[in-house]
Structure formats: structure tokens, C-alpha cells
Protein backbone atom coordinates (compact mmCIF):
# COMPACT_ATOMS: atom_id res chain seq x y z
CA UNK A 1 15.21 11.47 3.61
CA UNK A 2 12.53 9.53 4.93
CA UNK A 3 13.32 6.33 6.90
CA UNK A 4 10.32 4.65 5.85
CA UNK A 5 11.23 1.19 4.27
CA UNK A 6 8.88 1.08 1.66
CA UNK A 7 7.48 4.17 -0.10
CA UNK A 8 5.57 4.38 -3.38
CA UNK A 9 8.22 4.04 -6.18
CA UNK A 10 8.44 6.97 -8.83
CA UNK A 11 7.87 4.39 -11.35
CA UNK A 12 4.49 3.34 -9.80
CA UNK A 13 3.18 6.97 -9.36
CA UNK A 14 4.31 8.00 -12.98
CA UNK A 15 2.15 5.34 -14.36
CA UNK A 16 -0.58 5.93 -12.05
CA UNK A 17 -0.68 9.66 -12.93
CA UNK A 18 -0.78 8.86 -16.85
CA UNK A 19 -3.71 6.36 -16.27
CA UNK A 20 -5.77 8.81 -14.18
CA UNK A 21 -4.92 11.74 -16.57
CA UNK A 22 -6.25 9.38 -19.34
CA UNK A 23 -9.37 8.30 -17.06
CA UNK A 24 -10.41 11.71 -16.36
CA UNK A 25 -9.69 14.02 -19.39
CA UNK A 26 -9.19 17.64 -18.56
CA UNK A 27 -10.03 16.19 -15.08
CA UNK A 28 -13.65 16.94 -15.29
CA UNK A 29 -15.18 15.39 -12.07
CA UNK A 30 -11.84 14.76 -10.74
CA UNK A 31 -12.15 12.39 -7.86
CA UNK A 32 -10.24 12.61 -4.39
CA UNK A 33 -7.37 10.23 -4.22
CA UNK A 34 -7.37 8.22 -1.00
CA UNK A 35 -4.64 5.95 0.60
CA UNK A 36 -5.78 4.09 3.25
CA UNK A 37 -2.13 2.60 3.95
CA UNK A 38 -0.40 6.17 3.19
CA UNK A 39 2.83 5.74 4.86
CA UNK A 40 4.78 9.03 4.63
CA UNK A 41 2.26 10.16 1.95
CA UNK A 42 5.08 12.23 0.23
CA UNK A 43 4.99 10.34 -3.25
CA UNK A 44 1.12 10.75 -3.19
CA UNK A 45 1.21 14.34 -2.49
CA UNK A 46 3.85 14.81 -5.12
CA UNK A 47 1.92 13.10 -7.68
CA UNK A 48 -1.11 14.76 -6.91
CA UNK A 49 0.30 18.37 -6.96
CA UNK A 50 1.71 17.78 -10.63
CA UNK A 51 -0.50 20.10 -12.81
CA UNK A 52 -2.70 19.14 -15.93
CA UNK A 53 -4.17 22.14 -17.57
CA UNK A 54 -3.93 24.04 -14.41
CA UNK A 55 -5.39 21.24 -12.28
CA UNK A 56 -4.32 18.95 -9.92
CA UNK A 57 -5.88 16.03 -7.85
CA UNK A 58 -7.32 16.40 -4.36
CA UNK A 59 -6.00 13.69 -2.10
CA UNK A 60 -6.30 12.23 1.26
CA UNK A 61 -5.12 9.18 3.45
CA UNK A 62 -4.45 7.61 6.58
CA UNK A 63 -1.35 5.97 8.04
CA UNK A 64 -1.68 3.81 11.47
CA UNK A 65 1.95 4.75 12.40
CA UNK A 66 1.51 8.40 13.07
CA UNK A 67 5.68 8.80 13.37
CA UNK A 68 5.67 7.94 9.63
CA UNK A 69 3.51 10.67 8.34
CA UNK A 70 5.49 13.45 6.50
CA UNK A 71 2.76 15.04 3.98
CA UNK A 72 -0.03 17.49 4.65
CA UNK A 73 -3.71 15.76 4.07
CA UNK A 74 -2.49 12.60 5.59
CA UNK A 75 -3.91 11.79 9.13
CA UNK A 76 -3.17 9.05 11.74
CA UNK A 77 -5.66 6.49 11.67
CA UNK A 78 -6.63 3.04 10.72
CA UNK A 79 -7.64 1.62 7.08
CA UNK A 80 -10.51 -0.51 9.01
CA UNK A 81 -12.03 2.74 10.53
CA UNK A 82 -14.98 3.77 8.04
CA UNK A 83 -14.80 7.32 9.33
CA UNK A 84 -11.52 7.86 7.70
CA UNK A 85 -12.70 7.47 4.22
CA UNK A 86 -13.65 10.13 2.01
CA UNK A 87 -17.42 10.07 2.21
CA UNK A 88 -17.03 10.59 5.91
CA UNK A 89 -14.33 13.14 5.79
CA UNK A 90 -15.44 15.50 3.27
CA UNK A 91 -18.56 17.45 2.92
CA UNK A 92 -20.57 16.67 -0.20
CA UNK A 93 -19.64 19.59 -2.07
CA UNK A 94 -16.01 18.69 -1.81
CA UNK A 95 -16.46 14.94 -2.73
CA UNK A 96 -18.55 15.65 -6.00
CA UNK A 97 -16.16 13.98 -8.20
CA UNK A 98 -16.17 10.88 -6.17
CA UNK A 99 -13.09 9.03 -4.91
CA UNK A 100 -10.73 6.36 -6.03
CA UNK A 101 -8.54 4.15 -3.56
CA UNK A 102 -4.61 4.43 -4.65
CA UNK A 103 -2.61 2.51 -2.37
CA UNK A 104 0.27 0.08 -1.90
CA UNK A 105 -0.42 -1.98 1.06
CA UNK A 106 2.52 -3.69 2.86
CA UNK A 107 3.99 -6.60 1.12
CA UNK A 108 4.10 -9.44 3.75
CA UNK A 109 7.81 -10.45 2.86
CA UNK A 110 10.81 -10.00 5.16
CA UNK A 111 10.31 -6.10 5.46
CA UNK A 112 7.02 -6.68 7.23
CA UNK A 113 7.24 -8.23 10.62
CA UNK A 114 7.50 -7.04 14.28
CA UNK A 115 10.94 -9.04 14.85
CA UNK A 116 13.66 -6.79 16.48
CA UNK A 117 16.87 -7.53 14.74
CA UNK A 118 20.16 -7.24 16.63
CA UNK A 119 21.76 -5.57 13.65
CA UNK A 120 19.30 -3.28 11.58
CA UNK A 121 21.83 -2.67 8.97
CA UNK A 122 21.16 -6.10 8.00
CA UNK A 123 17.73 -6.39 8.60
CA UNK A 124 15.61 -3.38 7.98
CA UNK A 125 12.00 -3.74 8.44
CA UNK A 126 8.81 -1.58 9.23
CA UNK A 127 9.71 -2.04 13.25
CA UNK A 128 13.31 -0.73 12.83
CA UNK A 129 12.13 2.36 10.91
CA UNK A 130 9.73 3.10 13.66
CA UNK A 131 12.37 2.42 16.42
CA UNK A 132 14.65 4.98 14.58
CA UNK A 133 12.08 7.57 13.89
CA UNK A 134 10.81 7.59 17.47
CA UNK A 135 14.29 6.82 19.02
CA UNK A 136 12.22 4.18 21.28
CA UNK A 137 14.32 0.98 21.10
CA UNK A 138 11.32 -1.12 22.15
CA UNK A 139 8.92 0.54 19.89
CA UNK A 140 6.51 -1.82 18.14
CA UNK A 141 4.11 -1.80 15.51
CA UNK A 142 0.32 -1.25 16.02
CA UNK A 143 -1.49 -4.47 15.96
CA UNK A 144 -3.72 -3.50 13.02
CA UNK A 145 -0.75 -2.60 11.09
CA UNK A 146 -0.36 -5.05 8.06
CA UNK A 147 3.37 -4.29 8.06
CA UNK A 148 3.57 -6.50 11.46
CA UNK A 149 2.51 -9.64 9.71
CA UNK A 150 4.82 -10.65 7.05
CA UNK A 151 4.24 -14.40 6.37
CA UNK A 152 7.30 -15.26 4.26
CA UNK A 153 8.37 -18.56 4.82
CA UNK A 154 5.00 -20.12 5.80
CA UNK A 155 2.83 -22.63 3.94
CA UNK A 156 0.03 -21.27 1.98
CA UNK A 157 -2.08 -24.27 3.33
CA UNK A 158 -0.82 -24.10 6.52
CA UNK A 159 -2.09 -22.49 9.86
CA UNK A 160 0.28 -19.38 10.24
CA UNK A 161 -1.48 -16.90 12.48
CA UNK A 162 0.53 -14.12 10.68
CA UNK A 163 -0.88 -15.06 7.26
CA UNK A 164 -4.41 -15.14 8.61
CA UNK A 165 -4.04 -11.72 10.42
CA UNK A 166 -2.65 -10.18 7.32
CA UNK A 167 -5.67 -11.07 5.04
CA UNK A 168 -8.01 -10.16 8.07
CA UNK A 169 -6.88 -6.76 7.93
CA UNK A 170 -6.71 -6.63 4.13
CA UNK A 171 -10.19 -7.93 3.95
CA UNK A 172 -11.52 -5.49 6.54
CA UNK A 173 -10.10 -2.56 4.60
CA UNK A 174 -11.22 -3.63 1.01
CA UNK A 175 -14.78 -3.99 2.59
CA UNK A 176 -14.84 -0.19 3.01
CA UNK A 177 -13.92 0.51 -0.57
CA UNK A 178 -17.30 -0.09 -2.12
CA UNK A 179 -18.36 3.33 -2.63
CA UNK A 180 -15.23 4.22 -4.56
CA UNK A 181 -15.30 4.81 -8.34
CA UNK A 182 -12.08 2.87 -8.92
CA UNK A 183 -9.27 1.09 -6.93
CA UNK A 184 -5.61 1.36 -7.98
CA UNK A 185 -3.61 -1.02 -5.96
CA UNK A 186 0.25 -1.30 -6.05
CA UNK A 187 1.17 -4.98 -5.30
CA UNK A 188 4.15 -7.38 -5.94
CA UNK A 189 4.81 -10.86 -5.70
CA UNK A 190 7.87 -11.99 -3.63
CA UNK A 191 10.46 -14.72 -3.24
CA UNK A 192 10.12 -17.17 -0.26
CA UNK A 193 11.53 -20.25 0.84
CA UNK A 194 10.09 -23.17 2.83
CA UNK A 195 11.77 -26.29 3.76
CA UNK A 196 14.82 -25.34 1.32
CA UNK A 197 12.51 -24.97 -1.53
CA UNK A 198 12.55 -21.52 -3.14
CA UNK A 199 9.26 -20.15 -4.76
CA UNK A 200 7.27 -16.95 -5.64
CA UNK A 201 4.59 -15.96 -3.55
CA UNK A 202 1.64 -14.87 -5.86
CA UNK A 203 0.65 -11.88 -3.88
CA UNK A 204 -0.73 -9.97 -6.98
CA UNK A 205 -3.13 -12.83 -7.50
CA UNK A 206 -4.16 -13.01 -3.99
CA UNK A 207 -5.05 -9.38 -4.13
CA UNK A 208 -6.65 -9.50 -7.28
CA UNK A 209 -9.00 -12.25 -6.04
CA UNK A 210 -9.67 -10.42 -2.71
CA UNK A 211 -10.90 -7.38 -4.83
CA UNK A 212 -13.19 -9.68 -7.08
CA UNK A 213 -14.64 -11.06 -3.92
CA UNK A 214 -15.58 -7.57 -3.24
CA UNK A 215 -17.20 -6.94 -6.30
CA UNK A 216 -14.36 -5.23 -8.25
CA UNK A 217 -13.58 -6.28 -12.04
CA UNK A 218 -9.78 -6.06 -12.77
CA UNK A 219 -9.78 -4.23 -15.94
CA UNK A 220 -5.84 -3.79 -15.96
CA UNK A 221 -2.96 -5.47 -14.56
CA UNK A 222 0.02 -3.38 -15.35
CA UNK A 223 3.71 -4.71 -14.67
CA UNK A 224 6.08 -1.93 -13.75
CA UNK A 225 9.79 -2.24 -13.47
CA UNK A 226 11.32 -0.73 -10.09
CA UNK A 227 14.46 -0.96 -8.46
CA UNK A 228 13.32 -2.79 -5.47
CA UNK A 229 15.19 -2.87 -2.22
CA UNK A 230 18.69 -5.06 -2.72
CA UNK A 231 19.73 -5.13 0.84
CA UNK A 232 20.19 -8.06 3.33
CA UNK A 233 21.21 -11.87 2.74
CA UNK A 234 18.48 -12.42 0.18
CA UNK A 235 19.54 -9.44 -2.04
CA UNK A 236 19.42 -11.33 -5.29
CA UNK A 237 16.31 -13.08 -4.68
CA UNK A 238 13.90 -10.21 -5.79
CA UNK A 239 10.89 -10.23 -8.29
CA UNK A 240 11.75 -7.63 -10.84
CA UNK A 241 8.22 -6.13 -11.49
CA UNK A 242 5.53 -4.63 -9.25
CA UNK A 243 2.14 -4.50 -10.64
CA UNK A 244 -0.71 -1.81 -10.54
CA UNK A 245 -4.13 -3.52 -10.16
CA UNK A 246 -7.13 -1.49 -11.59
CA UNK A 247 -10.31 -2.29 -10.47
CA UNK A 248 -13.78 -0.86 -11.69
CA UNK A 249 -17.30 -1.96 -10.92
CA UNK A 250 -19.17 -3.69 -13.81
């Protein structure tokens, strides 16, 4: 079983698969699905290997923490590197069907940070996963890994450097998606608490607004019920739905 703390939920890939099957009937001109924040890549590979009328989808992806990669077709690399995207990685005869971004960026909640907890059974995050996979008790996350910059507990109007860095990476990645035919981004709001006041961080709206700033029209915002991780002291403080944002060019 993968130690990655936040793989694609099966419920998400099921919905995405049905959406793509409707968007590309008989898979005419089927695009490459590319995940710039691929994690293990296993769920992406499984989804793309499902056969429709004898065809699946080609896929590719990058993951900045090489130790997480478990699927073929995923390479170690940064979502900020233009050379890792399909137009650069594939000859024109392979990419004639275009490409689609299908990704689930790290949610900047309590799972995303570089904190080294004393008891990993109570606080499981991206860094703990990397420590366990590599066997290095001091392993830390790459400085360009969004999973390092969780900002739960910070003020939206404040000066959190973690919040700032998370959105710098997000902005830099989305700026490279302009030649894609469509974007499909799996995101979720999350519960946070500041000064003893609990509220929901509107991550879905923030990502939708980021996509709009880069020229994407949000045509669908699909709520999908998923099990979510129910560990730790805030196990009951979970948002029940994740969302699949569909962006297309006008």
C-alpha cells in the first residue's frame, strides 16, 4: 500500500473518467492527460488504462518528490519547469490530440507542511510520508513542493509566508498550462481555526479565481463525496465534498 498521504480518491477519478468519455466520444483526437502534481501516479494510470471501445488515454506527469513515484510514465520534476509538460516532452506526432491538465494540487491544510512531528501516528503529513519511504528521519520536502506550505491557521489578510509561497508555486504552474485544451483540477475547502474561531478556508473558490486570471472559463464545478482522512485531533472537522473544477478557453 502506498504511503503517500493524499492520493487521488477513486470517486474523483471515476467522475473524471466519465466526463472525459463524454467530452471525447469514441476518443477521437484523445488528448494526453498530464498531472504536474502527480504523487504516486497510480490512480492516474489506473484511470487511463480503463478501456473505452478498445482505447485508453495516454498520460504523463511529474512529481517533485521522486520517492513517491510508483507508476510508469511519471517522472521526477517540477511543475514549474516548462520542459516537463507534453508539448516539450512529446514529438508532435504523439501529441496530435492535444493535452489536458488533470491534477490534484496539495491542499494547504494540516497535512501539508514541513513540520516533523514527535508522534507520526497522530500527525501524518507529506514530510512524515517521505521520512518513512526513504528511511531518512531528517528528510524534508523540496522547497518547490506545495505540500510544504500548508497555511491552516493563518489569516487570509495576514502576512503568512507559507500562504504566499503556496500561491507563488500555484501561479507559476498554472502559467504553464495555457496551451492545454482543458484543465481538470481536484480541490477542496478545509476547516481552519484562527484565534479560537473556526471557519472554512475557501480553497475551491481561490483555485477557480486563479484559473480565471489565466484565461480559463470555469464551465463545471462538480461536488464529489469522498471518505476524506479522519485521523488526528481534528478528525471530525472535515469538509465532506471535494470538487472537480473544469476549465476551458472561451
